[in-house]
């Protein structure tokens, strides 16, 4: 039998989905278009840990042990402005900065950008901040509809390293 009461459940300050913030900047500390000081992200999916197991048979049972981990990724969905500033900024980053318009490929060190993800408390004060060194991974597509609504994009990033991580 569990040793807790409804009062102890009510006293927990439960996590909220909206208490986070992120910012995407280049090496000169500027972001896409008007989005240098903030980023209009609607969702963030931050891969914090990945474990792959090795399974083996011994005697009459199967056992699993942690074997390895894999690369870290961060996926972001965002709403763009009417000039598609973010889409063009990311497209130029891939096509011009990383791939030199088809003439060369830069090193990861030369083309990395920074993704800052902050967790916030109920008063919207940062409780944890991680600054990732990232490069885009996968496709950035334009998809139009005939509906009147916000234009949302999703982009995946490979994390090449963590520049800083702080807990307040």
N, C-alpha and C. Protein backbone atom coordinates (compact mmCIF):
# COMPACT_ATOMS: atom_id res chain seq x y z
N UNK A 1 0.84 -1.17 0.00
CA UNK A 1 0.00 0.00 0.00
C UNK A 1 0.89 1.24 0.00
N UNK A 2 0.58 2.19 -0.85
CA UNK A 2 1.36 3.42 -0.95
C UNK A 2 1.16 4.26 0.29
N UNK A 3 2.23 4.92 0.72
CA UNK A 3 2.19 5.75 1.92
C UNK A 3 2.14 7.22 1.52
N UNK A 4 0.98 7.66 0.99
CA UNK A 4 0.79 9.07 0.66
C UNK A 4 -0.69 9.39 0.77
N UNK A 5 -0.96 10.69 0.81
CA UNK A 5 -2.35 11.12 0.92
C UNK A 5 -2.68 12.05 -0.24
N UNK A 6 -3.93 12.35 -0.41
CA UNK A 6 -4.34 13.30 -1.45
C UNK A 6 -3.76 14.67 -1.17
N UNK A 7 -3.58 15.00 0.08
CA UNK A 7 -2.99 16.30 0.43
C UNK A 7 -1.54 16.39 -0.06
N UNK A 8 -0.79 15.29 0.04
CA UNK A 8 0.60 15.31 -0.45
C UNK A 8 0.63 15.43 -1.98
N UNK A 9 -0.35 14.86 -2.67
CA UNK A 9 -0.44 15.00 -4.13
C UNK A 9 -0.78 16.44 -4.49
N UNK A 10 -1.69 17.06 -3.74
CA UNK A 10 -2.08 18.45 -4.01
C UNK A 10 -0.95 19.43 -3.74
N UNK A 11 -0.03 19.09 -2.86
CA UNK A 11 1.06 20.00 -2.51
C UNK A 11 2.21 20.00 -3.51
N UNK A 12 2.19 19.11 -4.48
CA UNK A 12 3.25 19.07 -5.50
C UNK A 12 3.04 20.21 -6.48
N UNK A 13 4.10 20.93 -6.77
CA UNK A 13 4.05 21.97 -7.79
C UNK A 13 4.38 21.30 -9.12
N UNK A 14 3.35 20.89 -9.87
CA UNK A 14 3.51 20.10 -11.09
C UNK A 14 4.09 20.94 -12.22
N UNK A 15 4.87 20.29 -13.08
CA UNK A 15 5.49 20.95 -14.24
C UNK A 15 4.42 21.39 -15.23
N UNK A 16 4.67 22.49 -15.90
CA UNK A 16 3.76 23.02 -16.91
C UNK A 16 4.46 22.94 -18.27
N UNK A 17 3.71 22.60 -19.31
CA UNK A 17 4.27 22.46 -20.66
C UNK A 17 4.79 23.77 -21.24
N UNK A 18 4.24 24.90 -20.83
CA UNK A 18 4.57 26.17 -21.46
C UNK A 18 5.73 26.91 -20.78
N UNK A 19 6.30 26.37 -19.73
CA UNK A 19 7.36 27.08 -19.00
C UNK A 19 8.74 26.77 -19.58
N UNK A 20 8.99 27.27 -20.77
CA UNK A 20 10.28 27.14 -21.44
C UNK A 20 10.42 28.29 -22.42
N UNK A 21 11.63 28.46 -22.90
CA UNK A 21 11.94 29.53 -23.84
C UNK A 21 13.15 29.07 -24.63
N UNK A 22 13.28 29.51 -25.86
CA UNK A 22 14.48 29.18 -26.63
C UNK A 22 14.87 30.34 -27.53
N UNK A 23 16.11 30.29 -27.99
CA UNK A 23 16.66 31.33 -28.86
C UNK A 23 17.68 30.67 -29.77
N UNK A 24 17.69 31.06 -31.04
CA UNK A 24 18.61 30.52 -32.03
C UNK A 24 19.46 31.68 -32.56
N UNK A 25 20.78 31.58 -32.38
CA UNK A 25 21.67 32.67 -32.78
C UNK A 25 22.91 32.12 -33.49
N UNK A 26 23.57 33.01 -34.22
CA UNK A 26 24.83 32.64 -34.87
C UNK A 26 26.01 33.09 -33.99
N UNK A 27 27.21 32.96 -34.51
CA UNK A 27 28.40 33.30 -33.71
C UNK A 27 28.49 34.77 -33.35
N UNK A 28 27.85 35.64 -34.13
CA UNK A 28 27.89 37.08 -33.84
C UNK A 28 26.74 37.49 -32.92
N UNK A 29 26.05 36.51 -32.34
CA UNK A 29 24.97 36.73 -31.38
C UNK A 29 23.74 37.38 -32.01
N UNK A 30 23.53 37.14 -33.31
CA UNK A 30 22.31 37.65 -33.94
C UNK A 30 21.50 36.48 -34.46
N UNK A 31 20.19 36.67 -34.42
CA UNK A 31 19.27 35.63 -34.85
C UNK A 31 18.66 35.96 -36.20
N UNK A 32 17.68 35.17 -36.60
CA UNK A 32 17.03 35.38 -37.89
C UNK A 32 16.11 36.60 -37.89
N UNK A 33 16.40 37.56 -38.76
CA UNK A 33 15.55 38.74 -38.90
C UNK A 33 15.35 39.48 -37.58
N UNK A 34 14.10 39.67 -37.22
CA UNK A 34 13.77 40.38 -35.99
C UNK A 34 13.79 39.48 -34.76
N UNK A 35 14.23 38.23 -34.90
CA UNK A 35 14.16 37.27 -33.81
C UNK A 35 15.52 37.01 -33.16
N UNK A 36 16.25 38.07 -32.83
CA UNK A 36 17.52 37.91 -32.14
C UNK A 36 17.34 37.72 -30.64
N UNK A 37 16.46 38.49 -30.03
CA UNK A 37 16.28 38.44 -28.57
C UNK A 37 15.25 37.41 -28.13
N UNK A 38 14.46 36.91 -29.05
CA UNK A 38 13.48 35.87 -28.74
C UNK A 38 13.23 35.08 -30.02
N UNK A 39 12.64 33.91 -29.85
CA UNK A 39 12.39 33.03 -30.99
C UNK A 39 10.95 32.52 -30.90
N UNK A 40 10.17 32.60 -31.98
CA UNK A 40 8.75 32.23 -31.91
C UNK A 40 8.51 30.72 -32.01
N UNK A 41 9.15 29.97 -31.14
CA UNK A 41 8.98 28.53 -31.13
C UNK A 41 7.65 28.16 -30.48
N UNK A 42 6.99 27.18 -31.06
CA UNK A 42 5.72 26.70 -30.48
C UNK A 42 5.91 25.38 -29.74
N UNK A 43 6.87 24.59 -30.17
CA UNK A 43 7.20 23.35 -29.46
C UNK A 43 8.71 23.14 -29.50
N UNK A 44 9.20 22.47 -28.49
CA UNK A 44 10.60 22.06 -28.46
C UNK A 44 10.63 20.62 -27.95
N UNK A 45 11.43 19.79 -28.59
CA UNK A 45 11.59 18.41 -28.18
C UNK A 45 13.09 18.19 -28.00
N UNK A 46 13.52 18.19 -26.77
CA UNK A 46 14.93 18.13 -26.40
C UNK A 46 15.26 16.72 -25.95
N UNK A 47 16.09 16.02 -26.70
CA UNK A 47 16.51 14.67 -26.36
C UNK A 47 17.55 14.77 -25.24
N UNK A 48 17.17 14.39 -24.04
CA UNK A 48 18.06 14.54 -22.89
C UNK A 48 18.94 13.31 -22.65
N UNK A 49 18.47 12.14 -23.04
CA UNK A 49 19.26 10.93 -22.84
C UNK A 49 18.72 9.83 -23.74
N UNK A 50 19.64 9.01 -24.27
CA UNK A 50 19.27 7.87 -25.09
C UNK A 50 20.12 6.68 -24.65
N UNK A 51 19.47 5.57 -24.41
CA UNK A 51 20.19 4.36 -24.03
C UNK A 51 19.81 3.24 -24.98
N UNK A 52 20.80 2.51 -25.45
CA UNK A 52 20.56 1.32 -26.23
C UNK A 52 21.11 0.15 -25.44
N UNK A 53 20.35 -0.93 -25.40
CA UNK A 53 20.72 -2.07 -24.57
C UNK A 53 21.20 -3.24 -25.40
N UNK A 54 21.99 -4.06 -24.76
CA UNK A 54 22.45 -5.31 -25.34
C UNK A 54 21.73 -6.43 -24.61
N UNK A 55 21.07 -7.29 -25.36
CA UNK A 55 20.32 -8.39 -24.76
C UNK A 55 21.07 -9.70 -25.02
N UNK A 56 21.18 -10.51 -23.97
CA UNK A 56 21.85 -11.81 -24.12
C UNK A 56 21.07 -12.86 -23.34
N UNK A 57 21.26 -14.09 -23.75
CA UNK A 57 20.60 -15.23 -23.12
C UNK A 57 21.60 -15.91 -22.21
N UNK A 58 21.13 -16.24 -21.02
CA UNK A 58 21.96 -16.98 -20.09
C UNK A 58 21.06 -17.91 -19.29
N UNK A 59 21.48 -19.13 -19.21
CA UNK A 59 20.73 -20.17 -18.52
C UNK A 59 19.34 -20.26 -19.10
N UNK A 60 18.28 -19.90 -18.41
CA UNK A 60 16.93 -20.01 -18.94
C UNK A 60 16.25 -18.65 -19.07
N UNK A 61 17.03 -17.57 -19.07
CA UNK A 61 16.44 -16.22 -19.12
C UNK A 61 17.17 -15.34 -20.11
N UNK A 62 16.54 -14.20 -20.41
CA UNK A 62 17.16 -13.15 -21.21
C UNK A 62 17.48 -11.98 -20.30
N UNK A 63 18.61 -11.33 -20.54
CA UNK A 63 19.03 -10.20 -19.74
C UNK A 63 19.42 -9.05 -20.67
N UNK A 64 19.20 -7.85 -20.21
CA UNK A 64 19.59 -6.66 -20.96
C UNK A 64 20.48 -5.79 -20.10
N UNK A 65 21.51 -5.25 -20.72
CA UNK A 65 22.40 -4.33 -20.02
C UNK A 65 22.61 -3.11 -20.92
N UNK A 66 22.80 -1.94 -20.34
CA UNK A 66 23.07 -0.76 -21.16
C UNK A 66 24.34 -0.98 -21.97
N UNK A 67 24.28 -0.66 -23.26
CA UNK A 67 25.42 -0.89 -24.12
C UNK A 67 26.02 0.40 -24.67
N UNK A 68 25.16 1.30 -25.13
CA UNK A 68 25.68 2.51 -25.76
C UNK A 68 24.63 3.61 -25.73
N UNK A 69 25.02 4.75 -26.24
CA UNK A 69 24.12 5.88 -26.39
C UNK A 69 24.25 6.37 -27.82
N UNK A 70 23.41 7.28 -28.22
CA UNK A 70 23.51 7.81 -29.57
C UNK A 70 23.49 9.33 -29.52
N UNK A 71 23.64 9.92 -30.68
CA UNK A 71 23.71 11.37 -30.76
C UNK A 71 22.46 12.03 -30.21
N UNK A 72 22.63 13.25 -29.77
CA UNK A 72 21.53 14.03 -29.20
C UNK A 72 20.94 14.92 -30.28
N UNK A 73 19.63 15.08 -30.23
CA UNK A 73 18.92 15.92 -31.19
C UNK A 73 17.98 16.86 -30.45
N UNK A 74 17.64 17.95 -31.10
CA UNK A 74 16.61 18.87 -30.62
C UNK A 74 15.73 19.21 -31.82
N UNK A 75 14.43 19.06 -31.66
CA UNK A 75 13.47 19.40 -32.71
C UNK A 75 12.69 20.62 -32.25
N UNK A 76 12.49 21.56 -33.16
CA UNK A 76 11.76 22.79 -32.84
C UNK A 76 10.72 23.06 -33.92
N UNK A 77 9.51 23.39 -33.48
CA UNK A 77 8.49 23.92 -34.38
C UNK A 77 8.37 25.40 -34.09
N UNK A 78 8.21 26.19 -35.14
CA UNK A 78 8.16 27.64 -34.96
C UNK A 78 7.21 28.27 -35.97
N UNK A 79 6.73 29.45 -35.61
CA UNK A 79 5.90 30.24 -36.50
C UNK A 79 6.79 31.32 -37.10
N UNK A 80 6.71 31.49 -38.39
CA UNK A 80 7.56 32.46 -39.09
C UNK A 80 6.80 33.76 -39.34
N UNK A 81 7.54 34.83 -39.60
CA UNK A 81 6.90 36.11 -39.92
C UNK A 81 6.48 36.14 -41.39
N UNK A 82 5.86 37.23 -41.81
CA UNK A 82 5.33 37.33 -43.18
C UNK A 82 6.43 37.33 -44.24
N UNK A 83 7.65 37.65 -43.86
CA UNK A 83 8.78 37.65 -44.80
C UNK A 83 9.54 36.32 -44.79
N UNK A 84 9.09 35.38 -43.98
CA UNK A 84 9.73 34.07 -43.84
C UNK A 84 11.19 34.21 -43.42
N UNK A 85 11.45 35.12 -42.49
CA UNK A 85 12.82 35.42 -42.05
C UNK A 85 13.55 34.19 -41.53
N UNK A 86 12.89 33.40 -40.71
CA UNK A 86 13.55 32.23 -40.10
C UNK A 86 13.83 31.17 -41.15
N UNK A 87 12.85 30.90 -42.01
CA UNK A 87 13.04 29.90 -43.07
C UNK A 87 14.20 30.28 -43.98
N UNK A 88 14.29 31.56 -44.38
CA UNK A 88 15.39 32.01 -45.23
C UNK A 88 16.73 31.97 -44.49
N UNK A 89 16.73 32.32 -43.22
CA UNK A 89 17.95 32.30 -42.41
C UNK A 89 18.50 30.88 -42.31
N UNK A 90 17.61 29.91 -42.05
CA UNK A 90 18.04 28.52 -41.95
C UNK A 90 18.43 27.98 -43.32
N UNK A 91 17.68 28.32 -44.35
CA UNK A 91 18.00 27.88 -45.71
C UNK A 91 19.36 28.42 -46.16
N UNK A 92 19.63 29.70 -45.88
CA UNK A 92 20.95 30.27 -46.21
C UNK A 92 22.05 29.60 -45.40
N UNK A 93 21.76 29.30 -44.14
CA UNK A 93 22.73 28.62 -43.27
C UNK A 93 23.14 27.29 -43.91
N UNK A 94 22.16 26.52 -44.36
CA UNK A 94 22.46 25.21 -44.96
C UNK A 94 23.11 25.37 -46.33
N UNK A 95 22.45 26.11 -47.21
CA UNK A 95 22.89 26.15 -48.61
C UNK A 95 24.12 27.02 -48.86
N UNK A 96 24.28 28.11 -48.13
CA UNK A 96 25.43 28.99 -48.34
C UNK A 96 26.54 28.74 -47.33
N UNK A 97 26.22 28.74 -46.04
CA UNK A 97 27.26 28.62 -45.02
C UNK A 97 27.84 27.21 -44.91
N UNK A 98 26.99 26.20 -44.93
CA UNK A 98 27.48 24.83 -44.76
C UNK A 98 27.98 24.25 -46.08
N UNK A 99 27.18 24.39 -47.16
CA UNK A 99 27.51 23.74 -48.44
C UNK A 99 28.04 24.69 -49.50
N UNK A 100 28.29 25.95 -49.17
CA UNK A 100 28.92 26.89 -50.10
C UNK A 100 28.28 26.93 -51.47
N UNK A 101 26.96 26.86 -51.52
CA UNK A 101 26.20 26.86 -52.77
C UNK A 101 26.66 25.75 -53.72
N UNK A 102 26.96 24.61 -53.14
CA UNK A 102 27.35 23.44 -53.93
C UNK A 102 28.81 23.37 -54.30
N UNK A 103 29.64 24.28 -53.80
CA UNK A 103 31.06 24.32 -54.18
C UNK A 103 31.98 23.64 -53.17
N UNK A 104 31.56 23.57 -51.91
CA UNK A 104 32.39 22.98 -50.86
C UNK A 104 31.52 22.65 -49.66
N UNK A 105 32.12 22.00 -48.68
CA UNK A 105 31.44 21.72 -47.41
C UNK A 105 32.34 22.24 -46.30
N UNK A 106 31.79 23.09 -45.47
CA UNK A 106 32.55 23.63 -44.33
C UNK A 106 32.62 22.60 -43.21
N UNK A 107 33.57 22.80 -42.33
CA UNK A 107 33.66 21.94 -41.16
C UNK A 107 32.56 22.30 -40.18
N UNK A 108 32.26 21.40 -39.28
CA UNK A 108 31.23 21.65 -38.27
C UNK A 108 31.62 22.85 -37.41
N UNK A 109 32.90 22.98 -37.10
CA UNK A 109 33.36 24.10 -36.28
C UNK A 109 33.07 25.45 -36.95
N UNK A 110 33.16 25.50 -38.26
CA UNK A 110 32.93 26.75 -38.99
C UNK A 110 31.45 27.12 -39.12
N UNK A 111 30.58 26.13 -39.15
CA UNK A 111 29.17 26.43 -39.46
C UNK A 111 28.21 26.19 -38.31
N UNK A 112 28.71 25.89 -37.13
CA UNK A 112 27.84 25.65 -35.99
C UNK A 112 27.13 26.94 -35.56
N UNK A 113 25.92 26.80 -35.08
CA UNK A 113 25.17 27.91 -34.48
C UNK A 113 24.71 27.48 -33.10
N UNK A 114 24.13 28.40 -32.36
CA UNK A 114 23.81 28.13 -30.96
C UNK A 114 22.31 28.13 -30.72
N UNK A 115 21.85 27.13 -30.01
CA UNK A 115 20.46 27.01 -29.63
C UNK A 115 20.39 27.03 -28.11
N UNK A 116 19.77 28.07 -27.58
CA UNK A 116 19.63 28.24 -26.14
C UNK A 116 18.23 27.76 -25.74
N UNK A 117 18.16 26.80 -24.82
CA UNK A 117 16.88 26.31 -24.31
C UNK A 117 16.87 26.56 -22.81
N UNK A 118 15.84 27.29 -22.36
CA UNK A 118 15.72 27.62 -20.94
C UNK A 118 14.44 27.03 -20.38
N UNK A 119 14.54 26.45 -19.19
CA UNK A 119 13.37 26.01 -18.44
C UNK A 119 13.05 27.12 -17.45
N UNK A 120 11.75 27.41 -17.28
CA UNK A 120 11.32 28.52 -16.45
C UNK A 120 10.48 28.04 -15.27
N UNK A 121 10.49 28.83 -14.19
CA UNK A 121 9.60 28.53 -13.07
C UNK A 121 8.26 29.24 -13.28
N UNK A 122 7.36 29.14 -12.32
CA UNK A 122 6.02 29.72 -12.47
C UNK A 122 6.05 31.24 -12.61
N UNK A 123 7.12 31.90 -12.13
CA UNK A 123 7.25 33.35 -12.29
C UNK A 123 8.03 33.71 -13.56
N UNK A 124 8.24 32.71 -14.43
CA UNK A 124 8.95 32.85 -15.71
C UNK A 124 10.41 33.26 -15.54
N UNK A 125 11.01 32.86 -14.44
CA UNK A 125 12.44 33.06 -14.20
C UNK A 125 13.16 31.77 -14.58
N UNK A 126 14.32 31.88 -15.24
CA UNK A 126 15.04 30.67 -15.67
C UNK A 126 15.49 29.81 -14.49
N UNK A 127 15.25 28.50 -14.59
CA UNK A 127 15.73 27.56 -13.58
C UNK A 127 16.86 26.69 -14.13
N UNK A 128 16.90 26.53 -15.45
CA UNK A 128 17.96 25.76 -16.10
C UNK A 128 18.14 26.32 -17.50
N UNK A 129 19.38 26.43 -17.93
CA UNK A 129 19.67 26.92 -19.27
C UNK A 129 20.74 26.05 -19.90
N UNK A 130 20.49 25.61 -21.12
CA UNK A 130 21.46 24.84 -21.88
C UNK A 130 21.67 25.53 -23.22
N UNK A 131 22.93 25.74 -23.57
CA UNK A 131 23.26 26.31 -24.88
C UNK A 131 23.95 25.21 -25.69
N UNK A 132 23.24 24.77 -26.73
CA UNK A 132 23.73 23.71 -27.60
C UNK A 132 24.44 24.29 -28.80
N UNK A 133 25.47 23.61 -29.28
CA UNK A 133 26.09 23.89 -30.56
C UNK A 133 25.42 22.94 -31.55
N UNK A 134 24.72 23.51 -32.56
CA UNK A 134 23.87 22.69 -33.43
C UNK A 134 24.13 22.95 -34.91
N UNK A 135 23.75 21.96 -35.70
CA UNK A 135 23.64 22.11 -37.15
C UNK A 135 22.29 21.51 -37.54
N UNK A 136 21.67 22.02 -38.61
CA UNK A 136 20.39 21.47 -39.04
C UNK A 136 20.54 20.04 -39.54
N UNK A 137 19.50 19.25 -39.36
CA UNK A 137 19.50 17.86 -39.82
C UNK A 137 18.17 17.58 -40.50
N UNK A 138 18.21 17.04 -41.68
CA UNK A 138 16.97 16.72 -42.38
C UNK A 138 16.50 17.85 -43.26
N UNK A 139 15.22 17.83 -43.56
CA UNK A 139 14.63 18.75 -44.51
C UNK A 139 14.00 19.96 -43.83
N UNK A 140 14.07 21.09 -44.52
CA UNK A 140 13.28 22.27 -44.18
C UNK A 140 12.42 22.54 -45.40
N UNK A 141 11.15 22.23 -45.30
CA UNK A 141 10.26 22.33 -46.44
C UNK A 141 9.30 23.51 -46.29
N UNK A 142 8.92 24.06 -47.43
CA UNK A 142 7.81 25.01 -47.43
C UNK A 142 6.55 24.22 -47.78
N UNK A 143 5.52 24.42 -47.00
CA UNK A 143 4.25 23.76 -47.26
C UNK A 143 3.15 24.79 -47.09
N UNK A 144 2.50 25.15 -48.18
CA UNK A 144 1.44 26.14 -48.14
C UNK A 144 0.07 25.48 -48.16
N UNK A 145 -0.91 26.17 -47.62
CA UNK A 145 -2.29 25.71 -47.67
C UNK A 145 -3.18 26.88 -48.09
N UNK A 146 -4.43 26.61 -48.32
CA UNK A 146 -5.36 27.68 -48.68
C UNK A 146 -6.09 28.23 -47.45
N UNK A 147 -5.71 27.74 -46.28
CA UNK A 147 -6.34 28.19 -45.04
C UNK A 147 -5.68 29.46 -44.53
N UNK A 148 -6.45 30.24 -43.81
CA UNK A 148 -5.91 31.44 -43.17
C UNK A 148 -5.43 31.05 -41.78
N UNK A 149 -4.13 31.03 -41.58
CA UNK A 149 -3.58 30.66 -40.28
C UNK A 149 -2.10 30.95 -40.24
N UNK A 150 -1.51 30.68 -39.12
CA UNK A 150 -0.07 30.89 -38.96
C UNK A 150 0.70 29.86 -39.76
N UNK A 151 1.85 30.27 -40.27
CA UNK A 151 2.71 29.36 -41.03
C UNK A 151 3.73 28.75 -40.07
N UNK A 152 3.61 27.46 -39.84
CA UNK A 152 4.49 26.77 -38.89
C UNK A 152 5.44 25.83 -39.61
N UNK A 153 6.68 25.82 -39.18
CA UNK A 153 7.72 24.94 -39.71
C UNK A 153 8.28 24.11 -38.57
N UNK A 154 8.90 23.00 -38.94
CA UNK A 154 9.60 22.16 -37.96
C UNK A 154 10.99 21.89 -38.50
N UNK A 155 11.98 21.98 -37.62
CA UNK A 155 13.37 21.71 -38.00
C UNK A 155 14.02 20.86 -36.93
N UNK A 156 14.86 19.94 -37.35
CA UNK A 156 15.63 19.10 -36.42
C UNK A 156 17.07 19.56 -36.43
N UNK A 157 17.69 19.50 -35.27
CA UNK A 157 19.09 19.87 -35.14
C UNK A 157 19.86 18.71 -34.53
N UNK A 158 21.06 18.48 -35.04
CA UNK A 158 22.02 17.57 -34.41
C UNK A 158 22.83 18.39 -33.42
N UNK A 159 22.95 17.90 -32.23
CA UNK A 159 23.74 18.57 -31.21
C UNK A 159 25.19 18.10 -31.33
N UNK A 160 26.07 19.05 -31.61
CA UNK A 160 27.50 18.72 -31.74
C UNK A 160 28.24 18.90 -30.42
N UNK A 161 27.64 19.61 -29.51
CA UNK A 161 28.25 19.82 -28.21
C UNK A 161 27.38 20.75 -27.37
N UNK A 162 27.73 20.83 -26.11
CA UNK A 162 27.04 21.74 -25.21
C UNK A 162 28.02 22.83 -24.82
N UNK A 163 27.68 24.07 -25.19
CA UNK A 163 28.53 25.21 -24.89
C UNK A 163 28.49 25.55 -23.42
N UNK A 164 27.30 25.55 -22.83
CA UNK A 164 27.16 25.80 -21.39
C UNK A 164 25.87 25.20 -20.90
N UNK A 165 25.87 24.90 -19.60
CA UNK A 165 24.68 24.36 -18.96
C UNK A 165 24.68 24.87 -17.52
N UNK A 166 23.62 25.57 -17.16
CA UNK A 166 23.54 26.11 -15.82
C UNK A 166 22.19 25.78 -15.20
N UNK A 167 22.21 25.59 -13.89
CA UNK A 167 20.99 25.43 -13.11
C UNK A 167 20.97 26.55 -12.09
N UNK A 168 19.89 27.28 -12.06
CA UNK A 168 19.79 28.43 -11.16
C UNK A 168 19.37 27.99 -9.78
